[in-house]
Protein backbone atom coordinates (compact mmCIF):
# COMPACT_ATOMS: atom_id res chain seq x y z
CA MET A 1 277.07 239.49 70.44
CA SER A 2 278.90 237.94 67.49
CA GLY A 3 282.49 236.87 67.68
CA ALA A 4 283.12 237.71 71.34
CA GLY A 5 284.36 234.30 72.40
CA PRO A 6 287.20 234.00 74.91
CA PHE A 7 288.87 237.18 73.65
CA HIS A 8 286.12 239.59 74.67
CA ALA A 9 287.37 239.59 78.26
CA THR A 10 290.56 241.35 77.09
CA LEU A 11 288.54 244.53 76.43
CA SER A 12 288.20 247.19 79.11
CA PRO A 13 284.67 248.11 80.23
CA ALA A 14 284.81 251.24 78.05
CA GLU A 15 285.92 249.20 75.03
CA GLN A 16 283.15 246.67 75.64
CA ARG A 17 280.62 249.51 75.68
CA LEU A 18 281.99 250.73 72.35
CA VAL A 19 281.53 247.27 70.81
CA GLU A 20 278.02 247.08 72.27
CA GLY A 21 277.28 250.49 70.76
CA ALA A 22 278.37 249.17 67.37
CA GLN A 23 276.05 246.21 67.82
CA ARG A 24 273.12 248.54 68.54
CA PHE A 25 273.98 250.75 65.56
CA ALA A 26 274.12 247.69 63.31
CA THR A 27 270.71 246.50 64.50
CA ASP A 28 268.90 249.83 64.65
CA ASP A 29 270.48 251.86 61.84
CA LEU A 30 272.10 249.46 59.38
CA SER A 31 269.98 246.30 59.27
CA PRO A 32 266.89 248.06 57.82
CA ILE A 33 268.90 249.41 54.85
CA THR A 34 267.98 248.04 51.43
CA GLY A 35 269.99 250.52 49.35
CA LEU A 36 272.46 253.35 49.91
CA ASP A 37 272.58 256.54 47.88
CA ILE A 38 275.21 259.15 48.74
CA PRO A 39 272.98 261.43 50.88
CA THR A 40 271.79 258.44 52.94
CA HIS A 41 275.35 257.17 53.25
CA LEU A 42 276.65 260.52 54.48
CA ASP A 43 273.78 260.79 56.96
CA LEU A 44 274.60 257.34 58.34
CA LEU A 45 278.29 258.23 58.59
CA ARG A 46 277.46 261.32 60.64
CA ARG A 47 275.17 259.31 62.90
CA ALA A 48 277.92 256.71 63.40
CA CYS A 49 280.35 259.54 64.19
CA HIS A 50 277.97 260.96 66.79
CA ALA A 51 277.77 257.47 68.31
CA GLY A 52 281.55 257.57 68.82
CA LEU A 53 282.35 254.94 66.19
CA ALA A 54 284.74 257.10 64.15
CA GLY A 55 287.24 257.76 66.92
CA ILE A 56 288.01 254.27 68.19
CA GLU A 57 291.81 254.57 68.18
CA VAL A 58 291.93 258.38 68.42
CA PRO A 59 293.35 259.55 71.79
CA GLN A 60 290.79 260.71 74.34
CA ALA A 61 292.52 264.10 74.55
CA MET A 62 291.59 264.64 70.90
CA GLY A 63 287.96 263.59 71.30
CA GLY A 64 288.28 259.88 70.57
CA ALA A 65 287.95 256.70 72.61
CA GLY A 66 291.66 255.86 72.88
CA ALA A 67 290.80 252.19 72.41
CA SER A 68 292.86 249.26 71.13
CA PHE A 69 293.11 247.94 67.59
CA TYR A 70 291.35 244.83 68.84
CA THR A 71 288.37 247.04 69.72
CA ARG A 72 288.40 248.48 66.21
CA MET A 73 288.33 244.98 64.75
CA ARG A 74 285.40 243.99 66.97
CA VAL A 75 283.49 247.17 66.06
CA CYS A 76 283.94 246.32 62.36
CA GLU A 77 282.77 242.78 63.02
CA GLU A 78 279.60 243.97 64.72
CA LEU A 79 278.83 246.64 62.11
CA ALA A 80 279.22 244.07 59.34
CA ASN A 81 276.25 242.24 60.87
CA GLY A 82 274.12 245.16 59.75
CA HIS A 83 275.79 246.24 56.51
CA ALA A 84 279.31 245.13 55.59
CA GLY A 85 279.77 247.76 52.90
CA PHE A 86 278.98 250.59 55.29
CA ALA A 87 281.21 249.04 57.96
CA PHE A 88 284.11 249.05 55.51
CA SER A 89 283.37 252.65 54.57
CA LEU A 90 283.23 253.83 58.18
CA VAL A 91 286.48 252.16 59.23
CA ASN A 92 288.26 253.74 56.27
CA HIS A 93 287.05 257.14 57.45
CA HIS A 94 288.15 256.30 61.00
CA ASN A 95 291.61 255.29 59.84
CA ILE A 96 292.40 258.73 58.39
CA ILE A 97 291.40 260.41 61.66
CA ALA A 98 293.58 258.00 63.64
CA ARG A 99 296.54 258.53 61.32
CA VAL A 100 296.31 262.31 61.62
CA ALA A 101 295.91 262.02 65.40
CA GLN A 102 299.04 259.88 65.65
CA SER A 103 301.09 261.92 63.18
CA GLY A 104 302.56 264.66 65.34
CA HIS A 105 301.32 267.33 62.90
CA PRO A 106 299.56 269.86 65.16
CA GLU A 107 298.26 272.04 62.32
CA LEU A 108 296.66 269.09 60.57
CA GLN A 109 295.27 267.83 63.85
CA ARG A 110 293.62 271.17 64.61
CA ALA A 111 292.19 271.47 61.10
CA MET A 112 291.00 267.92 60.52
CA ILE A 113 290.26 265.89 63.63
CA ALA A 114 287.20 267.71 65.02
CA PRO A 115 285.27 267.97 61.72
CA MET A 116 286.10 264.38 60.81
CA LEU A 117 285.00 263.08 64.21
CA ALA A 118 281.75 264.97 63.65
CA GLY A 119 281.36 263.54 60.15
CA THR A 120 281.29 266.93 58.45
CA ARG A 121 284.44 265.89 56.62
CA VAL A 122 284.88 262.34 55.32
CA GLY A 123 288.23 260.68 54.69
CA CYS A 124 289.74 257.86 52.68
CA THR A 125 293.12 256.33 51.83
CA ALA A 126 294.23 256.37 48.19
CA MET A 127 296.84 253.80 47.20
CA THR A 128 295.46 251.77 44.28
CA GLU A 129 295.93 253.10 40.75
CA PRO A 130 294.38 252.11 37.41
CA GLN A 131 297.53 250.20 36.44
CA SER A 132 298.71 248.94 39.84
CA GLY A 133 297.16 247.50 42.98
CA SER A 134 299.12 245.09 45.12
CA ASP A 135 302.41 246.24 43.57
CA PHE A 136 302.32 249.36 45.69
CA ALA A 137 305.92 250.38 45.00
CA ALA A 138 305.11 250.59 41.27
CA MET A 139 302.71 253.51 41.65
CA GLN A 140 302.77 256.18 38.95
CA THR A 141 301.38 259.15 40.89
CA ARG A 142 304.23 261.64 41.18
CA ALA A 143 305.03 264.37 43.70
CA VAL A 144 307.58 267.08 42.88
CA ARG A 145 308.79 269.84 45.22
CA SER A 146 307.55 273.28 44.23
CA ASN A 147 307.10 276.67 45.96
CA GLY A 148 307.36 275.44 49.53
CA GLY A 149 305.16 272.43 48.88
CA TRP A 150 304.59 269.62 46.42
CA VAL A 151 302.86 269.29 43.05
CA LEU A 152 301.00 265.99 42.57
CA ASP A 153 300.06 264.41 39.25
CA GLY A 154 298.40 261.05 38.67
CA GLY A 155 295.25 259.07 39.25
CA LYS A 156 293.81 256.70 41.84
CA ALA A 157 291.21 253.98 41.30
CA TRP A 158 289.05 251.58 43.32
CA ILE A 159 289.24 253.80 46.41
CA THR A 160 286.69 253.25 49.18
CA ASN A 161 284.78 256.47 50.02
CA ALA A 162 286.22 258.31 47.00
CA ALA A 163 282.69 258.86 45.66
CA PHE A 164 281.95 261.40 48.41
CA ALA A 165 285.05 261.93 50.58
CA ASP A 166 286.71 265.33 50.84
CA VAL A 167 289.90 264.35 52.74
CA PHE A 168 292.27 262.00 50.92
CA LEU A 169 295.48 260.43 52.16
CA VAL A 170 297.25 260.15 48.82
CA TYR A 171 300.44 258.13 48.45
CA ALA A 172 302.76 259.38 45.71
CA GLN A 173 306.27 258.69 44.46
CA THR A 174 308.76 261.49 45.04
CA ASP A 175 311.79 259.68 43.58
CA PRO A 176 311.19 256.85 41.08
CA ASP A 177 314.81 255.73 41.37
CA ALA A 178 314.38 255.19 45.12
CA GLY A 179 311.49 252.74 44.74
CA ALA A 180 309.55 252.20 47.97
CA ALA A 181 311.88 254.59 49.82
CA GLY A 182 310.62 257.47 47.69
CA ILE A 183 306.94 257.12 48.58
CA ALA A 184 305.33 259.85 50.68
CA GLY A 185 301.81 260.45 52.01
CA PHE A 186 299.94 263.71 51.39
CA ILE A 187 296.61 265.06 52.63
CA VAL A 188 294.69 266.22 49.56
CA LEU A 189 291.35 268.00 49.88
CA ALA A 190 288.54 267.75 47.36
CA GLU A 191 288.53 271.55 47.07
CA ASP A 192 292.20 271.69 46.05
CA ASP A 193 292.90 273.03 42.56
CA GLY A 194 293.79 270.17 40.26
CA PHE A 195 291.60 267.57 42.00
CA LYS A 196 288.92 265.95 39.82
CA ARG A 197 286.65 263.20 41.11
CA SER A 198 285.83 260.32 38.76
CA ASP A 199 282.49 258.56 38.48
CA ALA A 200 281.74 256.00 41.18
CA TYR A 201 282.10 252.35 40.24
CA THR A 202 279.07 250.12 39.90
CA ALA A 203 280.01 246.50 40.52
CA SER A 204 278.59 243.55 42.37
CA GLY A 205 279.68 243.33 46.00
CA ILE A 206 280.77 246.93 46.59
CA GLU A 207 277.40 248.28 47.72
CA GLY A 208 277.82 250.83 50.48
CA MET A 209 281.57 251.31 50.06
CA GLY A 210 281.46 254.50 47.98
CA VAL A 211 284.13 253.08 45.67
CA GLY A 212 285.48 255.52 43.08
CA GLY A 213 288.58 257.31 41.88
CA PHE A 214 290.05 260.70 41.07
CA GLU A 215 292.67 262.49 38.99
CA LEU A 216 295.31 264.96 40.15
CA LYS A 217 296.78 267.45 37.69
CA ASP A 218 299.26 270.09 38.86
CA CYS A 219 297.70 269.77 42.32
CA TRP A 220 299.82 271.84 44.73
CA ILE A 221 299.90 270.65 48.36
CA PRO A 222 301.55 272.77 51.08
CA GLU A 223 304.34 271.27 53.17
CA GLU A 224 302.17 271.20 56.31
CA ARG A 225 299.93 268.63 54.58
CA VAL A 226 302.72 266.09 54.13
CA LEU A 227 301.52 263.43 56.55
CA TYR A 228 304.37 261.02 55.80
CA ALA A 229 307.69 262.31 54.49
CA PRO A 230 309.51 260.48 51.69
CA GLY A 231 311.00 257.33 53.16
CA SER A 232 308.26 256.78 55.75
CA GLY A 233 305.24 256.61 53.43
CA PHE A 234 305.72 253.01 52.38
CA ARG A 235 306.19 251.71 55.93
CA SER A 236 303.12 253.56 57.19
CA ALA A 237 301.04 252.22 54.32
CA MET A 238 302.11 248.65 55.00
CA ARG A 239 301.24 248.94 58.70
CA GLY A 240 297.81 250.17 57.71
CA VAL A 241 297.37 247.36 55.19
CA ASN A 242 298.19 244.73 57.82
CA GLN A 243 295.55 246.19 60.12
CA ALA A 244 293.00 246.34 57.31
CA ARG A 245 293.60 242.69 56.46
CA VAL A 246 292.71 241.71 60.01
CA HIS A 247 289.47 243.65 60.25
CA VAL A 248 288.49 242.42 56.77
CA ALA A 249 289.02 238.85 57.99
CA ALA A 250 286.79 239.53 60.99
CA MET A 251 284.11 241.05 58.75
CA ASN A 252 284.20 237.94 56.58
CA ALA A 253 283.55 235.91 59.71
CA SER A 254 280.54 238.09 60.40
CA LEU A 255 279.18 237.42 56.90
CA VAL A 256 279.60 233.66 57.35
CA GLU A 257 277.93 233.75 60.75
CA GLN A 258 274.91 235.54 59.28
CA ALA A 259 274.66 233.00 56.47
CA LEU A 260 274.99 230.07 58.89
CA ASN A 261 272.34 231.42 61.24
CA THR A 262 269.97 231.95 58.31
CA ALA A 263 270.58 228.44 57.01
CA LEU A 264 270.15 226.86 60.45
CA GLU A 265 266.89 228.71 61.02
CA TYR A 266 265.56 227.49 57.69
CA THR A 267 266.82 223.90 57.82
CA THR A 268 265.59 223.31 61.38
CA SER A 269 262.10 224.68 60.67
CA ARG A 270 261.50 222.95 57.33
CA ARG A 271 260.86 219.20 57.02
CA ALA A 272 261.12 216.62 54.24
CA PHE A 273 260.50 212.86 54.39
CA ASN A 274 259.40 213.17 58.02
CA GLN A 275 262.56 214.83 59.33
CA LYS A 276 264.11 218.26 59.57
CA ILE A 277 266.29 219.30 56.63
CA ALA A 278 269.24 219.85 58.98
CA GLU A 279 269.03 216.20 60.08
CA PHE A 280 269.95 214.89 56.63
CA GLN A 281 273.62 214.00 56.84
CA GLY A 282 274.55 215.79 53.60
CA ILE A 283 273.06 219.06 54.87
CA GLY A 284 274.10 218.68 58.50
CA TRP A 285 277.72 217.86 57.72
CA SER A 286 277.95 220.72 55.24
CA LEU A 287 276.78 223.20 57.89
CA ALA A 288 279.18 221.61 60.40
CA ASP A 289 282.00 222.40 57.96
CA VAL A 290 280.77 225.99 57.76
CA ALA A 291 280.75 226.30 61.55
CA THR A 292 284.29 224.92 61.73
CA HIS A 293 285.60 227.36 59.11
CA LEU A 294 283.83 230.20 60.91
CA HIS A 295 285.55 229.37 64.18
CA ALA A 296 288.95 229.14 62.47
CA MET A 297 288.40 232.49 60.71
CA ARG A 298 287.58 234.14 63.98
CA LEU A 299 290.52 232.67 65.86
CA LEU A 300 292.99 233.71 63.16
CA ALA A 301 291.60 237.25 63.00
CA HIS A 302 291.46 237.69 66.75
CA SER A 303 294.96 236.29 67.22
CA ALA A 304 296.34 238.66 64.58
CA ALA A 305 294.62 241.61 66.28
CA CYS A 306 296.30 240.70 69.55
CA THR A 307 299.64 240.56 67.72
CA ILE A 308 299.10 244.09 66.43
CA ASP A 309 298.17 245.42 69.87
CA ALA A 310 301.30 243.78 71.30
CA GLY A 311 303.39 245.85 68.88
CA GLU A 312 304.78 242.75 67.18
CA ASP A 313 305.32 242.16 63.46
CA ALA A 314 301.85 241.19 62.24
CA GLN A 315 302.55 240.81 58.52
CA VAL A 316 302.24 237.01 58.44
CA ALA A 317 299.47 236.79 61.04
CA ALA A 318 297.42 239.35 59.10
CA ALA A 319 298.08 237.62 55.77
CA MET A 320 297.06 234.23 57.15
CA ALA A 321 293.88 235.64 58.70
CA LYS A 322 292.81 237.32 55.47
CA LYS A 323 293.86 234.41 53.27
CA TYR A 324 291.87 231.89 55.29
CA ALA A 325 288.82 234.13 55.38
CA ASN A 326 289.02 234.84 51.64
CA ASP A 327 289.53 231.16 50.82
CA HIS A 328 286.53 229.99 52.81
CA ALA A 329 283.95 232.77 53.25
CA ALA A 330 282.36 232.61 49.80
CA HIS A 331 282.36 228.79 49.78
CA ALA A 332 280.78 228.77 53.24
CA ILE A 333 278.03 231.17 52.17
CA LEU A 334 277.41 229.10 49.04
CA ALA A 335 277.08 225.99 51.23
CA CYS A 336 274.45 227.78 53.30
CA MET A 337 272.60 228.78 50.14
CA GLN A 338 272.70 225.18 48.93
CA ALA A 339 271.33 223.92 52.25
CA MET A 340 268.33 226.22 51.78
CA GLY A 341 267.64 225.14 48.22
CA ALA A 342 266.10 227.78 45.96
CA GLN A 343 265.16 229.81 49.05
CA GLY A 344 268.86 230.55 49.53
CA MET A 345 268.91 232.56 46.30
CA THR A 346 266.01 234.83 47.18
CA GLN A 347 266.46 238.48 48.08
CA GLU A 348 264.57 237.78 51.28
CA SER A 349 267.26 235.38 52.52
CA GLY A 350 269.98 238.02 52.04
CA LEU A 351 272.65 235.44 51.26
CA ALA A 352 273.37 236.72 47.75
CA ARG A 353 274.29 240.12 49.18
CA LEU A 354 276.57 238.45 51.73
CA LEU A 355 278.20 236.49 48.93
CA GLY A 356 278.85 239.67 46.96
CA TRP A 357 280.59 241.31 49.90
CA ALA A 358 282.66 238.18 50.60
CA LYS A 359 283.90 238.23 47.00
CA ALA A 360 284.64 241.97 47.14
CA PHE A 361 286.71 241.42 50.30
CA CYS A 362 288.93 239.06 48.26
CA TYR A 363 290.26 242.17 46.47
CA THR A 364 290.46 244.74 49.25
CA ASP A 365 293.92 245.16 50.79
CA GLY A 366 295.45 242.33 48.81
CA THR A 367 294.18 239.23 47.05
CA PRO A 368 294.51 235.69 48.48
CA GLU A 369 297.33 235.13 45.99
CA MET A 370 299.21 238.11 47.45
CA MET A 371 298.64 236.75 50.94
CA ASN A 372 300.32 233.52 49.86
CA GLU A 373 303.25 235.57 48.55
CA ARG A 374 303.63 237.34 51.90
CA ILE A 375 303.51 234.06 53.80
CA ILE A 376 305.99 232.16 51.63
CA ARG A 377 308.41 235.08 51.46
CA ASN A 378 308.50 235.21 55.23
CA MET A 379 309.02 231.45 55.43
CA LEU A 380 311.91 231.61 52.96
CA LYS A 381 313.43 234.56 54.79
CA ARG A 382 313.42 232.61 58.06
CA ILE A 383 314.94 229.55 56.40
CA ASN A 384 317.72 231.65 54.83
CA LEU A 385 318.48 233.36 58.13
CA LYS A 386 318.60 229.98 59.87
CA ARG A 387 321.07 228.66 57.29
CA LYS A 388 323.27 231.74 57.61
CA ASP A 389 323.34 231.36 61.38
CA ALA A 390 324.31 227.71 61.01
CA GLU A 391 327.17 228.62 58.67
CA MET A 392 328.66 231.15 61.09
């Protein structure tokens, strides 16, 4: 089992079985996939739901597993061994169910949780817009009170699962003058009047993520579908982003592990000048670097997951985990390709697909540059607080 290490013992027996189930699903259902059209993707999502992989953090009383965030991260890590794009799609679906389950909105819970756990409804989170990504507070989608509900107008872009989802957690600005404090979260359904799905994106590295967008025009949402009231939307979104950064870091580690195993298999079975390829210092040291980066990726991701489960501020831990993974995953996979020579570029090796996903994960939930911003801002904040304390 990939990535278990010393942390795996922190899982309960039930959580370990969930991770093992993800490993089996990755091997049996995901590894054979060569391409994903929407019908195949939806079928796989339903099968993953039936295997219990969509309710990881959903309370047992609502039909879920009631497991830890750490378990969710490990499930993502295992699924990425089979198909990283699908793993990212599934966890995005899971996250909407978990948010509704934790929301304290009984009507939404009754209407949404059971069909989403069954995979008959598919969810996604919609934050990014055509003109803004990491600058979340600058969003242009507007929500205005009207007739006991809200009217939404705007567009979202680069949204995982948007190509086929029918339940959307849409963040919108209710008061532009309030900035982040005016952002609220709404549950929008694909059948709502005023919802129009855009064409799915076709780009390298996003295979299996169902990435697309949509437009909202005079889309009326009843009050009972306000998941996060104005003032709480931004905070909830940031908590979710921190969690996403951690499981993305773990998935990057999975990609690197696959590349390293492939390169080791090749370089220890092929010979040149009467010795194994892996025994040449240039190749061997390069793969040693890859193994070292892999271990560091995993430790950072797993440590950040434990911080989240402890209820502590995970902003910096999550940013560091994702930054390190983004900085090193693609380079590590390229090193494995180089160790294999031309064979590393073949479709059979699978490394090019891993490389595409590693690059795509540099943009999901914040770029490496944004991670640096989060880290330095926190450092400066601590320094300023320390100086103020010293002056008192």
